[in-house]
């Protein structure tokens, strides 16, 4: 299962392969609960719910508020159709679920299911009803799509969330992919990686945003489930408080005549400009979420993405970029670096990280129902 499903010329349009309800009734389970679509005004209660559930389901990381805010403003997210929330008489969010479709699917129409139930209200059938609603909404997304691509209803769970995994498997979801969370002690020395000829390292910043996104989309084209990041999605990620451009680094090189030029990039008056004749060929991006430090007991930086364009691989660029970032995190006074990796990553990323001193901690799994 390495890589992403390729276009199958024998597939019929997705809309012709599914049967979707024309309307979806709201769930009715749970004593004293009112079910309705969520709005941006519910972000506070949803965040409280996610954090209470996260203390049980994934106790080492938090959902940040601004990430939820960006989701509700997203170009492919319609809360009035794509969400449902259950609140009790006191106004507390007891359950929340969403089913969001991609803006620009390339090889998969991946509908992401995000569902949460308050720990003290589990065992009442709320989770099952919530999942049934999400699946129905997911089928509506498929029925509106004329692409001849696989359709996936997909979600993820920490391996400790056994009840969630059991519920999903009972409804036909497969454990499609395992993800490993790795940690590295920054007190350990970081070996200098050799510089690649013709490549220079530069800090990430707004001037490189579009070229970094293009490099990311190229680097992750052969990774399981990966779909192109849109300009809006990339910009939203950059706006998050945890995003640390100053600790992130890019590898850039001179552009050749047949590579995309800078003339097509969006331009903001008076904004700094990257050199027109340079191209991003590699990247190592970093977040620092201080709210999560108490959950682990130490300050850390999270490496959100490491990648190299396919034509630039084999030169040790990923090692060079990551070694640079590890030294920057240590200089920042952080104790550890954390990242997640696909256990079956086709580019050999796991071996690279382990050779740099990362060790395996938690595991999570992607669960998928295919259409």
Protein backbone atom coordinates (compact mmCIF):
# COMPACT_ATOMS: atom_id res chain seq x y z
CA UNK A 1 0.00 0.00 0.00
CA UNK A 2 2.87 2.38 -0.61
CA UNK A 3 1.89 5.50 -2.50
CA UNK A 4 -1.48 6.91 -3.46
CA UNK A 5 -4.09 5.19 -5.64
CA UNK A 6 -3.67 6.14 -9.27
CA UNK A 7 -6.44 7.08 -11.67
CA UNK A 8 -8.34 3.99 -12.83
CA UNK A 9 -9.79 4.47 -16.33
CA UNK A 10 -12.35 1.76 -15.62
CA UNK A 11 -13.92 3.65 -12.73
CA UNK A 12 -17.27 5.28 -13.30
CA UNK A 13 -17.81 8.82 -11.97
CA UNK A 14 -18.00 8.75 -8.20
CA UNK A 15 -21.54 10.12 -8.22
CA UNK A 16 -22.64 7.02 -10.14
CA UNK A 17 -21.03 4.61 -7.66
CA UNK A 18 -22.77 5.76 -4.47
CA UNK A 19 -26.29 6.16 -3.23
CA UNK A 20 -26.66 9.23 -1.05
CA UNK A 21 -29.68 10.50 0.88
CA UNK A 22 -31.23 13.70 -0.43
CA UNK A 23 -31.54 14.95 3.15
CA UNK A 24 -30.07 13.83 6.45
CA UNK A 25 -32.08 13.72 9.65
CA UNK A 26 -30.30 15.00 12.74
CA UNK A 27 -29.49 12.37 15.37
CA UNK A 28 -31.92 12.10 18.27
CA UNK A 29 -30.02 9.95 20.75
CA UNK A 30 -28.84 11.07 24.19
CA UNK A 31 -31.01 12.20 27.09
CA UNK A 32 -31.43 15.96 27.28
CA UNK A 33 -29.44 16.69 24.11
CA UNK A 34 -30.29 19.13 21.34
CA UNK A 35 -28.77 18.32 17.95
CA UNK A 36 -28.18 20.99 15.29
CA UNK A 37 -25.58 22.20 12.80
CA UNK A 38 -22.62 23.95 14.42
CA UNK A 39 -21.68 27.59 13.82
CA UNK A 40 -18.57 29.64 14.45
CA UNK A 41 -20.17 30.71 17.75
CA UNK A 42 -19.77 27.11 18.91
CA UNK A 43 -15.99 27.08 18.57
CA UNK A 44 -15.47 27.66 22.31
CA UNK A 45 -17.71 24.75 23.42
CA UNK A 46 -16.30 22.51 20.66
CA UNK A 47 -12.78 23.29 21.85
CA UNK A 48 -13.74 22.45 25.45
CA UNK A 49 -15.23 19.15 24.23
CA UNK A 50 -12.19 18.27 22.13
CA UNK A 51 -9.83 18.96 24.98
CA UNK A 52 -11.85 16.92 27.46
CA UNK A 53 -12.00 14.02 25.00
CA UNK A 54 -8.36 14.48 24.03
CA UNK A 55 -7.26 13.97 27.63
CA UNK A 56 -8.54 10.40 27.19
CA UNK A 57 -8.03 9.73 23.48
CA UNK A 58 -4.73 11.51 22.74
CA UNK A 59 -3.33 12.94 25.97
CA UNK A 60 -0.06 14.23 24.48
CA UNK A 61 -1.45 16.83 22.05
CA UNK A 62 -4.13 19.53 21.95
CA UNK A 63 -6.43 21.01 19.33
CA UNK A 64 -5.57 24.74 19.15
CA UNK A 65 -8.35 27.30 18.98
CA UNK A 66 -7.02 29.08 15.91
CA UNK A 67 -6.92 25.78 14.01
CA UNK A 68 -10.66 25.38 14.62
CA UNK A 69 -11.24 28.99 13.60
CA UNK A 70 -9.36 28.48 10.35
CA UNK A 71 -11.33 25.28 9.69
CA UNK A 72 -14.65 27.10 10.05
CA UNK A 73 -13.45 29.76 7.59
CA UNK A 74 -12.08 27.21 5.13
CA UNK A 75 -12.87 27.39 1.44
CA UNK A 76 -14.20 23.82 1.37
CA UNK A 77 -16.07 23.83 4.69
CA UNK A 78 -19.76 24.71 5.02
CA UNK A 79 -20.64 24.38 8.75
CA UNK A 80 -24.38 24.55 8.08
CA UNK A 81 -24.10 21.36 6.00
CA UNK A 82 -20.83 19.71 7.07
CA UNK A 83 -21.18 19.74 10.86
CA UNK A 84 -23.46 18.58 13.64
CA UNK A 85 -23.28 19.31 17.36
CA UNK A 86 -25.16 18.00 20.40
CA UNK A 87 -25.50 20.32 23.41
CA UNK A 88 -27.01 19.60 26.80
CA UNK A 89 -29.36 21.80 28.82
CA UNK A 90 -26.42 23.72 30.27
CA UNK A 91 -25.07 24.54 26.80
CA UNK A 92 -22.15 22.15 27.04
CA UNK A 93 -21.10 20.47 23.80
CA UNK A 94 -21.47 16.72 24.32
CA UNK A 95 -20.77 15.58 20.74
CA UNK A 96 -19.45 17.18 17.57
CA UNK A 97 -18.80 15.81 14.12
CA UNK A 98 -17.88 17.04 10.67
CA UNK A 99 -17.48 15.61 7.18
CA UNK A 100 -15.38 17.85 4.93
CA UNK A 101 -14.68 17.26 1.24
CA UNK A 102 -11.44 18.30 -0.49
CA UNK A 103 -11.21 21.43 -2.62
CA UNK A 104 -8.97 19.98 -5.34
CA UNK A 105 -8.79 16.17 -5.31
CA UNK A 106 -6.16 14.73 -7.58
CA UNK A 107 -6.02 10.99 -6.94
CA UNK A 108 -8.60 10.48 -4.15
CA UNK A 109 -11.82 12.19 -3.12
CA UNK A 110 -10.92 12.09 0.55
CA UNK A 111 -13.74 13.08 2.92
CA UNK A 112 -12.29 13.66 6.37
CA UNK A 113 -14.51 12.60 9.28
CA UNK A 114 -13.81 14.32 12.60
CA UNK A 115 -15.97 13.13 15.47
CA UNK A 116 -15.83 13.54 19.25
CA UNK A 117 -18.04 12.52 22.18
CA UNK A 118 -17.59 13.70 25.77
CA UNK A 119 -16.01 10.93 27.87
CA UNK A 120 -18.78 11.04 30.50
CA UNK A 121 -21.49 10.49 27.84
CA UNK A 122 -19.97 7.54 26.06
CA UNK A 123 -21.80 4.23 25.98
CA UNK A 124 -25.18 5.83 25.15
CA UNK A 125 -25.04 5.24 21.39
CA UNK A 126 -24.11 8.87 20.69
CA UNK A 127 -20.91 7.97 18.85
CA UNK A 128 -22.68 5.49 16.59
CA UNK A 129 -25.39 8.01 15.70
CA UNK A 130 -22.80 10.69 15.08
CA UNK A 131 -20.80 8.44 12.75
CA UNK A 132 -23.96 7.47 10.83
CA UNK A 133 -24.69 11.18 10.25
CA UNK A 134 -21.11 11.82 9.13
CA UNK A 135 -21.18 8.93 6.69
CA UNK A 136 -24.45 10.14 5.18
CA UNK A 137 -22.95 13.59 4.68
CA UNK A 138 -19.83 12.01 3.20
CA UNK A 139 -21.97 10.13 0.67
CA UNK A 140 -23.61 13.42 -0.30
CA UNK A 141 -20.17 14.82 -1.05
CA UNK A 142 -19.43 11.79 -3.22
CA UNK A 143 -22.77 12.10 -5.01
CA UNK A 144 -21.89 15.69 -5.96
CA UNK A 145 -18.55 14.66 -7.48
CA UNK A 146 -18.19 13.70 -11.14
CA UNK A 147 -14.52 12.68 -10.83
CA UNK A 148 -13.57 9.15 -11.81
CA UNK A 149 -11.50 8.74 -8.64
CA UNK A 150 -11.66 6.50 -5.57
CA UNK A 151 -13.81 7.91 -2.78
CA UNK A 152 -12.58 7.53 0.79
CA UNK A 153 -14.32 8.21 4.07
CA UNK A 154 -11.35 8.55 6.39
CA UNK A 155 -10.46 9.37 9.97
CA UNK A 156 -7.70 8.65 12.44
CA UNK A 157 -7.24 7.49 16.01
CA UNK A 158 -4.47 7.01 18.52
CA UNK A 159 -3.84 3.30 19.05
CA UNK A 160 -5.00 3.69 22.68
CA UNK A 161 -8.50 4.76 21.51
CA UNK A 162 -9.58 1.15 21.20
CA UNK A 163 -13.32 1.82 21.50
CA UNK A 164 -13.20 4.30 18.62
CA UNK A 165 -11.24 1.90 16.45
CA UNK A 166 -13.64 -0.93 17.28
CA UNK A 167 -16.67 1.22 16.33
CA UNK A 168 -15.12 2.20 13.01
CA UNK A 169 -14.09 -1.34 12.12
CA UNK A 170 -17.61 -2.56 12.90
CA UNK A 171 -18.87 -0.13 10.24
CA UNK A 172 -16.48 -1.37 7.58
CA UNK A 173 -13.38 0.80 8.05
CA UNK A 174 -9.95 -0.76 7.52
CA UNK A 175 -6.78 0.03 9.41
CA UNK A 176 -5.20 1.46 6.29
CA UNK A 177 -2.01 3.09 7.56
CA UNK A 178 0.00 3.38 10.75
CA UNK A 179 1.76 6.58 11.81
CA UNK A 180 4.64 6.77 14.25
CA UNK A 181 5.33 9.68 16.54
CA UNK A 182 9.08 10.14 17.01
CA UNK A 183 11.06 12.14 19.55
CA UNK A 184 14.68 13.26 19.69
CA UNK A 185 16.55 14.65 22.68
CA UNK A 186 18.13 17.93 21.57
CA UNK A 187 20.85 17.60 24.20
CA UNK A 188 22.43 14.95 21.99
CA UNK A 189 24.88 16.36 19.43
CA UNK A 190 23.77 16.83 15.84
CA UNK A 191 26.31 15.84 13.21
CA UNK A 192 27.02 18.40 10.52
CA UNK A 193 25.44 17.33 7.22
CA UNK A 194 27.37 18.07 4.02
CA UNK A 195 26.15 20.99 1.96
CA UNK A 196 24.74 20.19 -1.48
CA UNK A 197 26.47 22.00 -4.35
CA UNK A 198 24.38 24.78 -5.86
CA UNK A 199 21.90 24.80 -2.96
CA UNK A 200 21.58 27.40 -0.26
CA UNK A 201 19.49 27.35 2.92
CA UNK A 202 17.15 30.26 3.65
CA UNK A 203 14.60 30.92 6.41
CA UNK A 204 11.00 30.31 5.45
CA UNK A 205 8.82 33.40 5.16
CA UNK A 206 5.90 34.97 3.24
CA UNK A 207 8.09 35.72 0.22
CA UNK A 208 8.63 31.99 -0.29
CA UNK A 209 5.06 30.87 0.48
CA UNK A 210 3.90 29.91 -3.00
CA UNK A 211 7.17 28.32 -4.07
CA UNK A 212 7.32 26.32 -0.82
CA UNK A 213 3.74 25.10 -1.39
CA UNK A 214 4.65 24.00 -4.91
CA UNK A 215 7.67 22.11 -3.57
CA UNK A 216 5.53 20.48 -0.89
CA UNK A 217 2.95 19.31 -3.40
CA UNK A 218 5.67 17.83 -5.60
CA UNK A 219 7.51 16.15 -2.72
CA UNK A 220 4.39 14.50 -1.31
CA UNK A 221 2.81 13.38 -4.59
CA UNK A 222 4.02 9.82 -4.01
CA UNK A 223 2.99 9.67 -0.34
CA UNK A 224 0.00 7.66 0.81
CA UNK A 225 -3.24 9.61 0.66
CA UNK A 226 -1.57 12.98 0.06
CA UNK A 227 -3.49 15.51 -2.02
CA UNK A 228 -2.28 18.92 -3.21
CA UNK A 229 -2.42 21.72 -0.65
CA UNK A 230 -4.33 24.70 -2.04
CA UNK A 231 -3.02 28.24 -1.68
CA UNK A 232 -5.77 29.00 0.84
CA UNK A 233 -4.98 25.91 2.94
CA UNK A 234 -1.27 26.72 2.94
CA UNK A 235 -1.88 30.33 3.96
CA UNK A 236 -4.22 29.22 6.75
CA UNK A 237 -1.52 26.94 8.14
CA UNK A 238 0.99 29.80 8.06
CA UNK A 239 -1.41 31.98 10.06
CA UNK A 240 -1.55 29.57 13.01
CA UNK A 241 0.03 30.91 16.18
CA UNK A 242 2.18 27.80 16.53
CA UNK A 243 3.74 28.25 13.08
CA UNK A 244 7.40 29.25 13.39
CA UNK A 245 8.78 30.51 10.11
CA UNK A 246 11.89 31.70 11.92
CA UNK A 247 12.75 28.11 12.90
CA UNK A 248 11.79 26.65 9.52
CA UNK A 249 14.21 26.36 6.62
CA UNK A 250 14.13 25.96 2.85
CA UNK A 251 16.65 24.66 0.33
CA UNK A 252 16.66 26.84 -2.78
CA UNK A 253 18.54 26.62 -6.06
CA UNK A 254 18.68 28.49 -9.33
CA UNK A 255 15.64 27.91 -11.51
CA UNK A 256 16.18 26.42 -14.93
CA UNK A 257 14.44 27.87 -18.01
CA UNK A 258 11.85 25.06 -18.07
CA UNK A 259 10.80 25.34 -14.40
CA UNK A 260 7.81 27.43 -13.27
CA UNK A 261 8.71 31.10 -13.02
CA UNK A 262 7.98 33.60 -10.27
CA UNK A 263 5.87 35.75 -12.62
CA UNK A 264 2.81 33.60 -11.87
CA UNK A 265 3.00 34.11 -8.10
CA UNK A 266 0.47 36.34 -6.36
CA UNK A 267 2.10 39.67 -5.54
CA UNK A 268 1.36 41.98 -2.64
CA UNK A 269 2.44 45.60 -3.04
CA UNK A 270 5.52 46.50 -0.98
CA UNK A 271 5.89 42.89 0.27
CA UNK A 272 9.43 41.44 0.26
CA UNK A 273 10.13 39.46 -2.90
CA UNK A 274 12.16 36.29 -3.23
CA UNK A 275 14.66 36.26 -6.11
CA UNK A 276 12.81 35.51 -9.34
CA UNK A 277 15.47 33.06 -10.48
CA UNK A 278 15.40 30.81 -7.40
CA UNK A 279 13.30 27.73 -6.78
CA UNK A 280 12.49 25.84 -3.56
CA UNK A 281 13.68 22.23 -3.81
CA UNK A 282 13.40 21.21 -0.15
CA UNK A 283 11.81 22.30 3.11
CA UNK A 284 11.68 21.58 6.84
CA UNK A 285 8.81 23.36 8.59
CA UNK A 286 8.33 23.79 12.33
CA UNK A 287 5.56 24.54 14.84
CA UNK A 288 6.00 25.36 18.50
CA UNK A 289 2.82 24.93 20.58
CA UNK A 290 3.64 25.99 24.12
CA UNK A 291 0.21 24.90 25.39
CA UNK A 292 1.27 21.29 24.76
CA UNK A 293 4.49 21.45 26.75
CA UNK A 294 2.85 20.55 30.10
CA UNK A 295 1.33 17.43 28.50
CA UNK A 296 4.80 16.06 27.79
CA UNK A 297 6.68 17.60 30.65
CA UNK A 298 9.24 19.42 28.51
CA UNK A 299 9.49 22.20 25.90
CA UNK A 300 9.61 20.88 22.34
CA UNK A 301 9.29 21.85 18.71
CA UNK A 302 7.18 19.90 16.25
CA UNK A 303 8.51 19.27 12.75
CA UNK A 304 5.36 19.49 10.64
CA UNK A 305 6.88 18.53 7.28
CA UNK A 306 10.20 17.54 5.73
CA UNK A 307 10.42 16.99 1.99
CA UNK A 308 12.54 17.27 -1.14
CA UNK A 309 11.41 17.56 -4.75
CA UNK A 310 11.82 14.28 -6.53
CA UNK A 311 14.42 15.54 -9.00
CA UNK A 312 16.56 16.80 -6.08
CA UNK A 313 16.55 13.59 -4.03
CA UNK A 314 19.60 11.49 -3.41
CA UNK A 315 21.80 14.46 -2.44
CA UNK A 316 21.25 14.32 1.31
CA UNK A 317 19.10 17.47 1.36
CA UNK A 318 16.54 16.11 3.83
CA UNK A 319 19.31 15.27 6.30
CA UNK A 320 20.89 18.71 5.84
CA UNK A 321 17.57 20.49 6.37
CA UNK A 322 16.59 18.46 9.41
CA UNK A 323 20.03 18.77 11.03
CA UNK A 324 19.80 22.56 10.56
CA UNK A 325 16.38 22.63 12.24
CA UNK A 326 17.50 20.45 15.15
CA UNK A 327 20.31 22.87 15.88
CA UNK A 328 17.89 25.81 15.65
CA UNK A 329 15.48 24.16 18.09
CA UNK A 330 18.30 23.52 20.54
CA UNK A 331 19.44 27.15 20.22
CA UNK A 332 15.85 28.17 20.98
CA UNK A 333 16.21 26.44 24.35
CA UNK A 334 13.90 23.52 23.59
CA UNK A 335 14.51 20.06 25.01
CA UNK A 336 13.19 17.80 22.27
CA UNK A 337 12.05 17.63 18.66
CA UNK A 338 8.88 15.70 17.78
CA UNK A 339 7.53 14.59 14.41
CA UNK A 340 5.15 12.07 12.86
CA UNK A 341 5.97 9.73 10.02
CA UNK A 342 4.13 7.23 7.85
CA UNK A 343 5.39 3.82 8.99
CA UNK A 344 5.56 2.76 5.33
CA UNK A 345 6.87 6.03 3.88
CA UNK A 346 8.23 5.18 0.40
CA UNK A 347 11.08 7.68 0.58
CA UNK A 348 12.76 5.98 3.53
CA UNK A 349 12.00 8.84 5.93
CA UNK A 350 11.74 6.57 8.98
CA UNK A 351 15.28 5.32 8.46
CA UNK A 352 16.54 8.88 8.06
CA UNK A 353 14.91 10.02 11.29
CA UNK A 354 16.19 7.04 13.24
CA UNK A 355 19.71 7.65 11.92
CA UNK A 356 19.45 11.19 13.32
CA UNK A 357 18.54 9.90 16.77
CA UNK A 358 14.73 9.90 16.74
CA UNK A 359 12.99 7.10 18.63
CA UNK A 360 9.41 5.83 18.40
CA UNK A 361 6.83 6.93 20.96
CA UNK A 362 3.10 6.89 20.22
CA UNK A 363 1.34 5.25 17.28
CA UNK A 364 -1.83 6.27 15.46
CA UNK A 365 -3.82 4.71 12.67
CA UNK A 366 -5.76 5.97 9.65
CA UNK A 367 -9.05 4.15 9.12
CA UNK A 368 -10.67 4.22 5.68
CA UNK A 369 -13.90 3.06 4.04
CA UNK A 370 -13.49 2.97 0.26
CA UNK A 371 -16.02 3.57 -2.52
